[in-house]
Amino acid sequence: MTTAEPTPRVMLVEDEEPILDGLDALFSGQGFETTRAPNGEIALDRLAAGSFDLIVLDLMIPKIDGLTVLRRARQSGDETPVLILTAKGAEDDVVAGLEAGADDYVTKPFGVRELVARARGL
């Protein structure tokens, strides 16, 4: 008898409701269990309360920006893979995100298949 693989858990940190709805539908449709966080404060609370297999993180979110969320998570010892998904695509932004501890960086607009492939890779 084989044991079923646990459902991968992803936290989606995005403040734009249409994008968040789309990401939720995309990841749910790919077999992920999704948790939504519309701002950085909620993201940090949910991260402290549970464990995730992946965090999809926008940088431009209210209350606590995404880069600060990432830095705080890493400082607390959290090593959950983080895929930054943002409109900020300048080289300095990408470097700042990777140096803060992101595992991957995708700019909006993005290809759905590429995003899923990158998420599965992490």
PDB file of N, CA and C in Angstrom:
ATOM      1  N   MET A   1       0.835  -1.179   0.000  1.00  0.00           N
ATOM      2  CA  MET A   1       0.000   0.000   0.000  1.00  0.00           C
ATOM      3  C   MET A   1       0.880   1.244   0.000  1.00  0.00           C
ATOM      4  N   THR A   2       0.596   2.201  -0.867  1.00  0.00           N
ATOM      5  CA  THR A   2       1.393   3.417  -0.935  1.00  0.00           C
ATOM      6  C   THR A   2       0.683   4.553  -0.214  1.00  0.00           C
ATOM      7  N   THR A   3       1.481   5.413   0.344  1.00  0.00           N
ATOM      8  CA  THR A   3       0.941   6.576   1.032  1.00  0.00           C
ATOM      9  C   THR A   3       0.842   7.726   0.038  1.00  0.00           C
ATOM     10  N   ALA A   4      -0.287   8.378   0.038  1.00  0.00           N
ATOM     11  CA  ALA A   4      -0.476   9.510  -0.874  1.00  0.00           C
ATOM     12  C   ALA A   4       0.426  10.659  -0.461  1.00  0.00           C
ATOM     13  N   GLU A   5       0.936  11.353  -1.472  1.00  0.00           N
ATOM     14  CA  GLU A   5       1.755  12.530  -1.202  1.00  0.00           C
ATOM     15  C   GLU A   5       0.884  13.598  -0.550  1.00  0.00           C
ATOM     16  N   PRO A   6       1.424  14.324   0.438  1.00  0.00           N
ATOM     17  CA  PRO A   6       0.625  15.395   1.027  1.00  0.00           C
ATOM     18  C   PRO A   6       0.398  16.508   0.002  1.00  0.00           C
ATOM     19  N   THR A   7      -0.725  17.169   0.128  1.00  0.00           N
ATOM     20  CA  THR A   7      -1.047  18.273  -0.766  1.00  0.00           C
ATOM     21  C   THR A   7      -0.113  19.434  -0.474  1.00  0.00           C
ATOM     22  N   PRO A   8       0.584  19.953  -1.497  1.00  0.00           N
ATOM     23  CA  PRO A   8       1.477  21.088  -1.247  1.00  0.00           C
ATOM     24  C   PRO A   8       0.672  22.332  -0.860  1.00  0.00           C
ATOM     25  N   ARG A   9       1.189  23.065   0.134  1.00  0.00           N
ATOM     26  CA  ARG A   9       0.507  24.255   0.636  1.00  0.00           C
ATOM     27  C   ARG A   9       1.237  25.507   0.149  1.00  0.00           C
ATOM     28  N   VAL A  10       0.484  26.435  -0.441  1.00  0.00           N
ATOM     29  CA  VAL A  10       1.052  27.683  -0.939  1.00  0.00           C
ATOM     30  C   VAL A  10       0.324  28.858  -0.306  1.00  0.00           C
ATOM     31  N   MET A  11       1.094  29.843   0.134  1.00  0.00           N
ATOM     32  CA  MET A  11       0.505  31.093   0.596  1.00  0.00           C
ATOM     33  C   MET A  11       0.667  32.118  -0.506  1.00  0.00           C
ATOM     34  N   LEU A  12      -0.452  32.721  -0.907  1.00  0.00           N
ATOM     35  CA  LEU A  12      -0.486  33.719  -1.971  1.00  0.00           C
ATOM     36  C   LEU A  12      -0.596  35.094  -1.334  1.00  0.00           C
ATOM     37  N   VAL A  13       0.457  35.904  -1.462  1.00  0.00           N
ATOM     38  CA  VAL A  13       0.491  37.234  -0.853  1.00  0.00           C
ATOM     39  C   VAL A  13       0.356  38.261  -1.968  1.00  0.00           C
ATOM     40  N   GLU A  14      -0.851  38.804  -2.103  1.00  0.00           N
ATOM     41  CA  GLU A  14      -1.181  39.704  -3.203  1.00  0.00           C
ATOM     42  C   GLU A  14      -2.352  40.574  -2.764  1.00  0.00           C
ATOM     43  N   ASP A  15      -2.266  41.884  -3.015  1.00  0.00           N
ATOM     44  CA  ASP A  15      -3.329  42.789  -2.573  1.00  0.00           C
ATOM     45  C   ASP A  15      -4.361  43.088  -3.654  1.00  0.00           C
ATOM     46  N   GLU A  16      -4.057  42.810  -4.909  1.00  0.00           N
ATOM     47  CA  GLU A  16      -5.018  43.076  -5.980  1.00  0.00           C
ATOM     48  C   GLU A  16      -5.948  41.874  -6.120  1.00  0.00           C
ATOM     49  N   GLU A  17      -7.214  42.087  -5.741  1.00  0.00           N
ATOM     50  CA  GLU A  17      -8.193  41.000  -5.669  1.00  0.00           C
ATOM     51  C   GLU A  17      -8.311  40.179  -6.960  1.00  0.00           C
ATOM     52  N   PRO A  18      -8.383  40.807  -8.153  1.00  0.00           N
ATOM     53  CA  PRO A  18      -8.488  39.981  -9.371  1.00  0.00           C
ATOM     54  C   PRO A  18      -7.263  39.081  -9.581  1.00  0.00           C
ATOM     55  N   ILE A  19      -6.085  39.588  -9.272  1.00  0.00           N
ATOM     56  CA  ILE A  19      -4.864  38.771  -9.414  1.00  0.00           C
ATOM     57  C   ILE A  19      -4.867  37.663  -8.374  1.00  0.00           C
ATOM     58  N   LEU A  20      -5.249  37.999  -7.138  1.00  0.00           N
ATOM     59  CA  LEU A  20      -5.303  37.005  -6.069  1.00  0.00           C
ATOM     60  C   LEU A  20      -6.300  35.898  -6.413  1.00  0.00           C
ATOM     61  N   ASP A  21      -7.467  36.285  -6.938  1.00  0.00           N
ATOM     62  CA  ASP A  21      -8.457  35.284  -7.347  1.00  0.00           C
ATOM     63  C   ASP A  21      -7.892  34.379  -8.443  1.00  0.00           C
ATOM     64  N   GLY A  22      -7.206  34.971  -9.413  1.00  0.00           N
ATOM     65  CA  GLY A  22      -6.622  34.199 -10.500  1.00  0.00           C
ATOM     66  C   GLY A  22      -5.541  33.246 -10.015  1.00  0.00           C
ATOM     67  N   LEU A  23      -4.677  33.735  -9.122  1.00  0.00           N
ATOM     68  CA  LEU A  23      -3.627  32.877  -8.567  1.00  0.00           C
ATOM     69  C   LEU A  23      -4.227  31.732  -7.757  1.00  0.00           C
ATOM     70  N   ASP A  24      -5.257  32.063  -6.985  1.00  0.00           N
ATOM     71  CA  ASP A  24      -5.930  31.048  -6.168  1.00  0.00           C
ATOM     72  C   ASP A  24      -6.498  29.951  -7.070  1.00  0.00           C
ATOM     73  N   ALA A  25      -7.199  30.351  -8.123  1.00  0.00           N
ATOM     74  CA  ALA A  25      -7.780  29.370  -9.054  1.00  0.00           C
ATOM     75  C   ALA A  25      -6.689  28.562  -9.754  1.00  0.00           C
ATOM     76  N   LEU A  26      -5.623  29.236 -10.167  1.00  0.00           N
ATOM     77  CA  LEU A  26      -4.519  28.564 -10.851  1.00  0.00           C
ATOM     78  C   LEU A  26      -3.880  27.500  -9.965  1.00  0.00           C
ATOM     79  N   PHE A  27      -3.480  27.895  -8.748  1.00  0.00           N
ATOM     80  CA  PHE A  27      -2.788  26.949  -7.870  1.00  0.00           C
ATOM     81  C   PHE A  27      -3.718  25.858  -7.348  1.00  0.00           C
ATOM     82  N   SER A  28      -4.977  26.198  -7.049  1.00  0.00           N
ATOM     83  CA  SER A  28      -5.945  25.181  -6.627  1.00  0.00           C
ATOM     84  C   SER A  28      -6.132  24.153  -7.733  1.00  0.00           C
ATOM     85  N   GLY A  29      -6.218  24.647  -8.976  1.00  0.00           N
ATOM     86  CA  GLY A  29      -6.384  23.764 -10.121  1.00  0.00           C
ATOM     87  C   GLY A  29      -5.186  22.867 -10.379  1.00  0.00           C
ATOM     88  N   GLN A  30      -4.034  23.259  -9.854  1.00  0.00           N
ATOM     89  CA  GLN A  30      -2.814  22.462 -10.007  1.00  0.00           C
ATOM     90  C   GLN A  30      -2.571  21.547  -8.805  1.00  0.00           C
ATOM     91  N   GLY A  31      -3.560  21.477  -7.891  1.00  0.00           N
ATOM     92  CA  GLY A  31      -3.455  20.551  -6.763  1.00  0.00           C
ATOM     93  C   GLY A  31      -2.844  21.126  -5.499  1.00  0.00           C
ATOM     94  N   PHE A  32      -2.688  22.449  -5.435  1.00  0.00           N
ATOM     95  CA  PHE A  32      -2.159  23.078  -4.233  1.00  0.00           C
ATOM     96  C   PHE A  32      -3.294  23.432  -3.283  1.00  0.00           C
ATOM     97  N   GLU A  33      -3.010  23.395  -2.002  1.00  0.00           N
ATOM     98  CA  GLU A  33      -3.905  23.965  -0.999  1.00  0.00           C
ATOM     99  C   GLU A  33      -3.469  25.417  -0.825  1.00  0.00           C
ATOM    100  N   THR A  34      -4.367  26.359  -1.034  1.00  0.00           N
ATOM    101  CA  THR A  34      -4.001  27.772  -1.020  1.00  0.00           C
ATOM    102  C   THR A  34      -4.454  28.474   0.249  1.00  0.00           C
ATOM    103  N   THR A  35      -3.630  29.425   0.672  1.00  0.00           N
ATOM    104  CA  THR A  35      -3.958  30.352   1.752  1.00  0.00           C
ATOM    105  C   THR A  35      -3.706  31.738   1.202  1.00  0.00           C
ATOM    106  N   ARG A  36      -4.649  32.645   1.417  1.00  0.00           N
ATOM    107  CA  ARG A  36      -4.555  33.993   0.870  1.00  0.00           C
ATOM    108  C   ARG A  36      -4.143  34.983   1.954  1.00  0.00           C
ATOM    109  N   ALA A  37      -3.297  35.935   1.549  1.00  0.00           N
ATOM    110  CA  ALA A  37      -2.882  37.016   2.449  1.00  0.00           C
ATOM    111  C   ALA A  37      -2.860  38.311   1.638  1.00  0.00           C
ATOM    112  N   PRO A  38      -3.802  39.239   1.895  1.00  0.00           N
ATOM    113  CA  PRO A  38      -3.880  40.457   1.094  1.00  0.00           C
ATOM    114  C   PRO A  38      -2.928  41.574   1.517  1.00  0.00           C
ATOM    115  N   ASN A  39      -2.165  41.359   2.586  1.00  0.00           N
ATOM    116  CA  ASN A  39      -1.177  42.359   2.985  1.00  0.00           C
ATOM    117  C   ASN A  39      -0.050  41.684   3.765  1.00  0.00           C
ATOM    118  N   GLY A  40       1.023  42.445   3.999  1.00  0.00           N
ATOM    119  CA  GLY A  40       2.197  41.879   4.652  1.00  0.00           C
ATOM    120  C   GLY A  40       1.985  41.490   6.098  1.00  0.00           C
ATOM    121  N   GLU A  41       1.158  42.228   6.790  1.00  0.00           N
ATOM    122  CA  GLU A  41       0.882  41.919   8.197  1.00  0.00           C
ATOM    123  C   GLU A  41       0.193  40.555   8.326  1.00  0.00           C
ATOM    124  N   ILE A  42      -0.811  40.334   7.499  1.00  0.00           N
ATOM    125  CA  ILE A  42      -1.518  39.050   7.510  1.00  0.00           C
ATOM    126  C   ILE A  42      -0.579  37.930   7.069  1.00  0.00           C
ATOM    127  N   ALA A  43       0.264  38.199   6.086  1.00  0.00           N
ATOM    128  CA  ALA A  43       1.213  37.181   5.612  1.00  0.00           C
ATOM    129  C   ALA A  43       2.132  36.719   6.742  1.00  0.00           C
ATOM    130  N   LEU A  44       2.668  37.663   7.505  1.00  0.00           N
ATOM    131  CA  LEU A  44       3.560  37.293   8.608  1.00  0.00           C
ATOM    132  C   LEU A  44       2.810  36.532   9.692  1.00  0.00           C
ATOM    133  N   ASP A  45       1.569  36.932   9.979  1.00  0.00           N
ATOM    134  CA  ASP A  45       0.749  36.217  10.967  1.00  0.00           C
ATOM    135  C   ASP A  45       0.498  34.777  10.515  1.00  0.00           C
ATOM    136  N   ARG A  46       0.151  34.607   9.260  1.00  0.00           N
ATOM    137  CA  ARG A  46      -0.157  33.259   8.745  1.00  0.00           C
ATOM    138  C   ARG A  46       1.099  32.408   8.667  1.00  0.00           C
ATOM    139  N   LEU A  47       2.216  33.034   8.371  1.00  0.00           N
ATOM    140  CA  LEU A  47       3.479  32.302   8.328  1.00  0.00           C
ATOM    141  C   LEU A  47       3.865  31.815   9.725  1.00  0.00           C
ATOM    142  N   ALA A  48       3.626  32.648  10.729  1.00  0.00           N
ATOM    143  CA  ALA A  48       3.935  32.268  12.112  1.00  0.00           C
ATOM    144  C   ALA A  48       3.010  31.158  12.614  1.00  0.00           C
ATOM    145  N   ALA A  49       1.787  31.110  12.085  1.00  0.00           N
ATOM    146  CA  ALA A  49       0.784  30.159  12.571  1.00  0.00           C
ATOM    147  C   ALA A  49       0.819  28.804  11.865  1.00  0.00           C
ATOM    148  N   GLY A  50       1.452  28.732  10.702  1.00  0.00           N
ATOM    149  CA  GLY A  50       1.427  27.476   9.963  1.00  0.00           C
ATOM    150  C   GLY A  50       2.641  27.320   9.079  1.00  0.00           C
ATOM    151  N   SER A  51       2.723  26.167   8.452  1.00  0.00           N
ATOM    152  CA  SER A  51       3.853  25.930   7.556  1.00  0.00           C
ATOM    153  C   SER A  51       3.347  25.821   6.122  1.00  0.00           C
ATOM    154  N   PHE A  52       4.194  26.229   5.200  1.00  0.00           N
ATOM    155  CA  PHE A  52       3.850  26.229   3.782  1.00  0.00           C
ATOM    156  C   PHE A  52       4.989  25.591   3.005  1.00  0.00           C
ATOM    157  N   ASP A  53       4.647  25.106   1.817  1.00  0.00           N
ATOM    158  CA  ASP A  53       5.655  24.543   0.920  1.00  0.00           C
ATOM    159  C   ASP A  53       6.181  25.593  -0.049  1.00  0.00           C
ATOM    160  N   LEU A  54       5.426  26.696  -0.191  1.00  0.00           N
ATOM    161  CA  LEU A  54       5.795  27.761  -1.110  1.00  0.00           C
ATOM    162  C   LEU A  54       5.068  29.035  -0.719  1.00  0.00           C
ATOM    163  N   ILE A  55       5.745  30.165  -0.907  1.00  0.00           N
ATOM    164  CA  ILE A  55       5.118  31.473  -0.750  1.00  0.00           C
ATOM    165  C   ILE A  55       5.271  32.204  -2.072  1.00  0.00           C
ATOM    166  N   VAL A  56       4.147  32.663  -2.633  1.00  0.00           N
ATOM    167  CA  VAL A  56       4.159  33.517  -3.818  1.00  0.00           C
ATOM    168  C   VAL A  56       3.912  34.921  -3.286  1.00  0.00           C
ATOM    169  N   LEU A  57       4.897  35.801  -3.442  1.00  0.00           N
ATOM    170  CA  LEU A  57       4.921  37.072  -2.728  1.00  0.00           C
ATOM    171  C   LEU A  57       5.036  38.267  -3.663  1.00  0.00           C
ATOM    172  N   ASP A  58       4.042  39.146  -3.607  1.00  0.00           N
ATOM    173  CA  ASP A  58       4.122  40.427  -4.308  1.00  0.00           C
ATOM    174  C   ASP A  58       4.946  41.370  -3.433  1.00  0.00           C
ATOM    175  N   LEU A  59       5.683  42.279  -4.038  1.00  0.00           N
ATOM    176  CA  LEU A  59       6.483  43.227  -3.263  1.00  0.00           C
ATOM    177  C   LEU A  59       5.695  44.463  -2.850  1.00  0.00           C
ATOM    178  N   MET A  60       4.779  44.888  -3.708  1.00  0.00           N
ATOM    179  CA  MET A  60       4.037  46.123  -3.446  1.00  0.00           C
ATOM    180  C   MET A  60       2.687  45.793  -2.814  1.00  0.00           C
ATOM    181  N   ILE A  61       2.727  45.511  -1.509  1.00  0.00           N
ATOM    182  CA  ILE A  61       1.529  45.170  -0.751  1.00  0.00           C
ATOM    183  C   ILE A  61       1.401  46.118   0.430  1.00  0.00           C
ATOM    184  N   PRO A  62       0.172  46.311   0.939  1.00  0.00           N
ATOM    185  CA  PRO A  62      -0.036  47.251   2.035  1.00  0.00           C
ATOM    186  C   PRO A  62       0.459  46.736   3.390  1.00  0.00           C
ATOM    187  N   LYS A  63       0.515  47.662   4.318  1.00  0.00           N
ATOM    188  CA  LYS A  63       0.873  47.475   5.731  1.00  0.00           C
ATOM    189  C   LYS A  63       2.356  47.172   5.908  1.00  0.00           C
ATOM    190  N   ILE A  64       2.823  46.043   5.413  1.00  0.00           N
ATOM    191  CA  ILE A  64       4.249  45.699   5.451  1.00  0.00           C
ATOM    192  C   ILE A  64       4.608  45.238   4.043  1.00  0.00           C
ATOM    193  N   ASP A  65       5.563  45.916   3.397  1.00  0.00           N
ATOM    194  CA  ASP A  65       5.885  45.571   2.010  1.00  0.00           C
ATOM    195  C   ASP A  65       6.497  44.175   1.910  1.00  0.00           C
ATOM    196  N   GLY A  66       6.445  43.627   0.709  1.00  0.00           N
ATOM    197  CA  GLY A  66       6.889  42.258   0.491  1.00  0.00           C
ATOM    198  C   GLY A  66       8.348  41.998   0.810  1.00  0.00           C
ATOM    199  N   LEU A  67       9.218  42.958   0.503  1.00  0.00           N
ATOM    200  CA  LEU A  67      10.630  42.777   0.799  1.00  0.00           C
ATOM    201  C   LEU A  67      10.860  42.663   2.308  1.00  0.00           C
ATOM    202  N   THR A  68      10.140  43.461   3.079  1.00  0.00           N
ATOM    203  CA  THR A  68      10.235  43.395   4.542  1.00  0.00           C
ATOM    204  C   THR A  68       9.678  42.069   5.055  1.00  0.00           C
ATOM    205  N   VAL A  69       8.566  41.611   4.479  1.00  0.00           N
ATOM    206  CA  VAL A  69       8.011  40.305   4.853  1.00  0.00           C
ATOM    207  C   VAL A  69       9.062  39.221   4.633  1.00  0.00           C
ATOM    208  N   LEU A  70       9.697  39.248   3.479  1.00  0.00           N
ATOM    209  CA  LEU A  70      10.716  38.252   3.146  1.00  0.00           C
ATOM    210  C   LEU A  70      11.888  38.318   4.116  1.00  0.00           C
ATOM    211  N   ARG A  71      12.380  39.515   4.367  1.00  0.00           N
ATOM    212  CA  ARG A  71      13.519  39.664   5.296  1.00  0.00           C
ATOM    213  C   ARG A  71      13.170  39.157   6.692  1.00  0.00           C
ATOM    214  N   ARG A  72      11.986  39.506   7.184  1.00  0.00           N
ATOM    215  CA  ARG A  72      11.574  39.062   8.523  1.00  0.00           C
ATOM    216  C   ARG A  72      11.422  37.544   8.589  1.00  0.00           C
ATOM    217  N   ALA A  73      10.872  36.958   7.538  1.00  0.00           N
ATOM    218  CA  ALA A  73      10.725  35.499   7.508  1.00  0.00           C
ATOM    219  C   ALA A  73      12.099  34.836   7.568  1.00  0.00           C
ATOM    220  N   ARG A  74      13.021  35.327   6.762  1.00  0.00           N
ATOM    221  CA  ARG A  74      14.365  34.738   6.751  1.00  0.00           C
ATOM    222  C   ARG A  74      15.093  34.959   8.081  1.00  0.00           C
ATOM    223  N   GLN A  75      14.932  36.142   8.671  1.00  0.00           N
ATOM    224  CA  GLN A  75      15.575  36.428   9.961  1.00  0.00           C
ATOM    225  C   GLN A  75      15.046  35.522  11.065  1.00  0.00           C
ATOM    226  N   SER A  76      13.785  35.100  10.943  1.00  0.00           N
ATOM    227  CA  SER A  76      13.199  34.229  11.965  1.00  0.00           C
ATOM    228  C   SER A  76      13.567  32.762  11.726  1.00  0.00           C
ATOM    229  N   GLY A  77      14.320  32.498  10.673  1.00  0.00           N
ATOM    230  CA  GLY A  77      14.760  31.140  10.389  1.00  0.00           C
ATOM    231  C   GLY A  77      13.857  30.376   9.435  1.00  0.00           C
ATOM    232  N   ASP A  78      12.828  31.027   8.904  1.00  0.00           N
ATOM    233  CA  ASP A  78      11.926  30.353   7.971  1.00  0.00           C
ATOM    234  C   ASP A  78      12.622  30.178   6.625  1.00  0.00           C
ATOM    235  N   GLU A  79      12.674  28.959   6.148  1.00  0.00           N
ATOM    236  CA  GLU A  79      13.341  28.657   4.887  1.00  0.00           C
ATOM    237  C   GLU A  79      12.368  28.227   3.788  1.00  0.00           C
ATOM    238  N   THR A  80      11.080  28.541   3.967  1.00  0.00           N
ATOM    239  CA  THR A  80      10.087  28.220   2.946  1.00  0.00           C
ATOM    240  C   THR A  80      10.502  28.852   1.623  1.00  0.00           C
ATOM    241  N   PRO A  81      10.464  28.095   0.531  1.00  0.00           N
ATOM    242  CA  PRO A  81      10.785  28.701  -0.766  1.00  0.00           C
ATOM    243  C   PRO A  81       9.855  29.879  -1.068  1.00  0.00           C
ATOM    244  N   VAL A  82      10.444  30.965  -1.560  1.00  0.00           N
ATOM    245  CA  VAL A  82       9.683  32.169  -1.888  1.00  0.00           C
ATOM    246  C   VAL A  82       9.888  32.511  -3.350  1.00  0.00           C
ATOM    247  N   LEU A  83       8.756  32.661  -4.050  1.00  0.00           N
ATOM    248  CA  LEU A  83       8.757  33.101  -5.436  1.00  0.00           C
ATOM    249  C   LEU A  83       8.149  34.495  -5.434  1.00  0.00           C
ATOM    250  N   ILE A  84       8.959  35.490  -5.733  1.00  0.00           N
ATOM    251  CA  ILE A  84       8.451  36.851  -5.825  1.00  0.00           C
ATOM    252  C   ILE A  84       7.736  37.001  -7.159  1.00  0.00           C
ATOM    253  N   LEU A  85       6.523  37.552  -7.108  1.00  0.00           N
ATOM    254  CA  LEU A  85       5.721  37.807  -8.298  1.00  0.00           C
ATOM    255  C   LEU A  85       5.297  39.270  -8.237  1.00  0.00           C
ATOM    256  N   THR A  86       5.933  40.111  -9.061  1.00  0.00           N
ATOM    257  CA  THR A  86       5.750  41.548  -8.917  1.00  0.00           C
ATOM    258  C   THR A  86       5.874  42.269 -10.248  1.00  0.00           C
ATOM    259  N   ALA A  87       5.389  43.489 -10.271  1.00  0.00           N
ATOM    260  CA  ALA A  87       5.549  44.347 -11.453  1.00  0.00           C
ATOM    261  C   ALA A  87       6.923  45.017 -11.462  1.00  0.00           C
ATOM    262  N   LYS A  88       7.637  44.953 -10.351  1.00  0.00           N
ATOM    263  CA  LYS A  88       8.946  45.603 -10.244  1.00  0.00           C
ATOM    264  C   LYS A  88      10.001  44.726 -10.918  1.00  0.00           C
ATOM    265  N   GLY A  89      10.352  45.096 -12.158  1.00  0.00           N
ATOM    266  CA  GLY A  89      11.242  44.247 -12.936  1.00  0.00           C
ATOM    267  C   GLY A  89      12.617  44.819 -13.219  1.00  0.00           C
ATOM    268  N   ALA A  90      12.929  45.979 -12.631  1.00  0.00           N
ATOM    269  CA  ALA A  90      14.262  46.551 -12.850  1.00  0.00           C
ATOM    270  C   ALA A  90      15.311  45.645 -12.211  1.00  0.00           C
ATOM    271  N   GLU A  91      16.494  45.644 -12.786  1.00  0.00           N
ATOM    272  CA  GLU A  91      17.561  44.776 -12.272  1.00  0.00           C
ATOM    273  C   GLU A  91      17.812  44.997 -10.781  1.00  0.00           C
ATOM    274  N   ASP A  92      17.806  46.243 -10.331  1.00  0.00           N
ATOM    275  CA  ASP A  92      18.023  46.533  -8.905  1.00  0.00           C
ATOM    276  C   ASP A  92      16.952  45.874  -8.039  1.00  0.00           C
ATOM    277  N   ASP A  93      15.699  45.862  -8.516  1.00  0.00           N
ATOM    278  CA  ASP A  93      14.613  45.226  -7.763  1.00  0.00           C
ATOM    279  C   ASP A  93      14.806  43.716  -7.689  1.00  0.00           C
ATOM    280  N   VAL A  94      15.174  43.117  -8.808  1.00  0.00           N
ATOM    281  CA  VAL A  94      15.403  41.670  -8.850  1.00  0.00           C
ATOM    282  C   VAL A  94      16.543  41.300  -7.907  1.00  0.00           C
ATOM    283  N   VAL A  95      17.642  42.029  -7.985  1.00  0.00           N
ATOM    284  CA  VAL A  95      18.798  41.758  -7.122  1.00  0.00           C
ATOM    285  C   VAL A  95      18.424  41.926  -5.649  1.00  0.00           C
ATOM    286  N   ALA A  96      17.681  42.986  -5.327  1.00  0.00           N
ATOM    287  CA  ALA A  96      17.267  43.207  -3.928  1.00  0.00           C
ATOM    288  C   ALA A  96      16.415  42.045  -3.431  1.00  0.00           C
ATOM    289  N   GLY A  97      15.513  41.563  -4.263  1.00  0.00           N
ATOM    290  CA  GLY A  97      14.667  40.445  -3.860  1.00  0.00           C
ATOM    291  C   GLY A  97      15.457  39.169  -3.640  1.00  0.00           C
ATOM    292  N   LEU A  98      16.368  38.876  -4.548  1.00  0.00           N
ATOM    293  CA  LEU A  98      17.185  37.672  -4.405  1.00  0.00           C
ATOM    294  C   LEU A  98      18.130  37.782  -3.211  1.00  0.00           C
ATOM    295  N   GLU A  99      18.699  38.957  -3.006  1.00  0.00           N
ATOM    296  CA  GLU A  99      19.604  39.142  -1.860  1.00  0.00           C
ATOM    297  C   GLU A  99      18.859  39.072  -0.527  1.00  0.00           C
ATOM    298  N   ALA A 100      17.576  39.413  -0.529  1.00  0.00           N
ATOM    299  CA  ALA A 100      16.770  39.335   0.695  1.00  0.00           C
ATOM    300  C   ALA A 100      16.377  37.892   1.021  1.00  0.00           C
ATOM    301  N   GLY A 101      16.595  36.980   0.063  1.00  0.00           N
ATOM    302  CA  GLY A 101      16.325  35.576   0.344  1.00  0.00           C
ATOM    303  C   GLY A 101      15.314  34.900  -0.557  1.00  0.00           C
ATOM    304  N   ALA A 102      14.845  35.577  -1.611  1.00  0.00           N
ATOM    305  CA  ALA A 102      13.907  34.943  -2.539  1.00  0.00           C
ATOM    306  C   ALA A 102      14.607  33.822  -3.295  1.00  0.00           C
ATOM    307  N   ASP A 103      13.847  32.792  -3.628  1.00  0.00           N
ATOM    308  CA  ASP A 103      14.379  31.673  -4.382  1.00  0.00           C
ATOM    309  C   ASP A 103      14.187  31.843  -5.883  1.00  0.00           C
ATOM    310  N   ASP A 104      13.206  32.659  -6.257  1.00  0.00           N
ATOM    311  CA  ASP A 104      12.948  32.923  -7.667  1.00  0.00           C
ATOM    312  C   ASP A 104      12.221  34.258  -7.770  1.00  0.00           C
ATOM    313  N   TYR A 105      12.191  34.812  -8.978  1.00  0.00           N
ATOM    314  CA  TYR A 105      11.636  36.154  -9.192  1.00  0.00           C
ATOM    315  C   TYR A 105      10.979  36.180 -10.558  1.00  0.00           C
ATOM    316  N   VAL A 106       9.672  36.460 -10.582  1.00  0.00           N
ATOM    317  CA  VAL A 106       8.916  36.521 -11.829  1.00  0.00           C
ATOM    318  C   VAL A 106       8.236  37.880 -11.892  1.00  0.00           C
ATOM    319  N   THR A 107       8.298  38.525 -13.062  1.00  0.00           N
ATOM    320  CA  THR A 107       7.669  39.841 -13.198  1.00  0.00           C
ATOM    321  C   THR A 107       6.314  39.720 -13.883  1.00  0.00           C
ATOM    322  N   LYS A 108       5.417  40.623 -13.486  1.00  0.00           N
ATOM    323  CA  LYS A 108       4.094  40.737 -14.116  1.00  0.00           C
ATOM    324  C   LYS A 108       4.251  41.617 -15.343  1.00  0.00           C
ATOM    325  N   PRO A 109       3.544  41.354 -16.424  1.00  0.00           N
ATOM    326  CA  PRO A 109       2.680  40.191 -16.616  1.00  0.00           C
ATOM    327  C   PRO A 109       3.512  38.920 -16.772  1.00  0.00           C
ATOM    328  N   PHE A 110       2.910  37.806 -16.452  1.00  0.00           N
ATOM    329  CA  PHE A 110       3.640  36.542 -16.438  1.00  0.00           C
ATOM    330  C   PHE A 110       2.885  35.494 -17.232  1.00  0.00           C
ATOM    331  N   GLY A 111       3.615  34.495 -17.680  1.00  0.00           N
ATOM    332  CA  GLY A 111       2.999  33.351 -18.349  1.00  0.00           C
ATOM    333  C   GLY A 111       2.570  32.337 -17.313  1.00  0.00           C
ATOM    334  N   VAL A 112       1.342  31.872 -17.406  1.00  0.00           N
ATOM    335  CA  VAL A 112       0.783  30.944 -16.420  1.00  0.00           C
ATOM    336  C   VAL A 112       1.590  29.649 -16.363  1.00  0.00           C
ATOM    337  N   ARG A 113       1.911  29.088 -17.521  1.00  0.00           N
ATOM    338  CA  ARG A 113       2.669  27.829 -17.531  1.00  0.00           C
ATOM    339  C   ARG A 113       4.054  28.009 -16.916  1.00  0.00           C
ATOM    340  N   GLU A 114       4.695  29.140 -17.219  1.00  0.00           N
ATOM    341  CA  GLU A 114       6.024  29.404 -16.636  1.00  0.00           C
ATOM    342  C   GLU A 114       5.926  29.531 -15.124  1.00  0.00           C
ATOM    343  N   LEU A 115       4.916  30.254 -14.635  1.00  0.00           N
ATOM    344  CA  LEU A 115       4.752  30.433 -13.192  1.00  0.00           C
ATOM    345  C   LEU A 115       4.560  29.095 -12.490  1.00  0.00           C
ATOM    346  N   VAL A 116       3.702  28.251 -13.033  1.00  0.00           N
ATOM    347  CA  VAL A 116       3.457  26.937 -12.430  1.00  0.00           C
ATOM    348  C   VAL A 116       4.727  26.092 -12.459  1.00  0.00           C
ATOM    349  N   ALA A 117       5.458  26.122 -13.561  1.00  0.00           N
ATOM    350  CA  ALA A 117       6.696  25.347 -13.664  1.00  0.00           C
ATOM    351  C   ALA A 117       7.719  25.821 -12.631  1.00  0.00           C
ATOM    352  N   ARG A 118       7.837  27.121 -12.477  1.00  0.00           N
ATOM    353  CA  ARG A 118       8.784  27.659 -11.479  1.00  0.00           C
ATOM    354  C   ARG A 118       8.340  27.273 -10.063  1.00  0.00           C
ATOM    355  N   ALA A 119       7.044  27.369  -9.806  1.00  0.00           N
ATOM    356  CA  ALA A 119       6.519  27.004  -8.475  1.00  0.00           C
ATOM    357  C   ALA A 119       6.793  25.539  -8.176  1.00  0.00           C
ATOM    358  N   ARG A 120       6.536  24.676  -9.148  1.00  0.00           N
ATOM    359  CA  ARG A 120       6.787  23.251  -8.928  1.00  0.00           C
ATOM    360  C   ARG A 120       8.282  22.970  -8.735  1.00  0.00           C
ATOM    361  N   GLY A 121       9.124  23.746  -9.401  1.00  0.00           N
ATOM    362  CA  GLY A 121      10.567  23.583  -9.242  1.00  0.00           C
ATOM    363  C   GLY A 121      11.048  23.913  -7.839  1.00  0.00           C
ATOM    364  N   LEU A 122      10.339  24.797  -7.183  1.00  0.00           N
ATOM    365  CA  LEU A 122      10.725  25.176  -5.820  1.00  0.00           C
ATOM    366  C   LEU A 122      10.136  24.202  -4.814  1.00  0.00           C
TER     367      LEU A 122
END
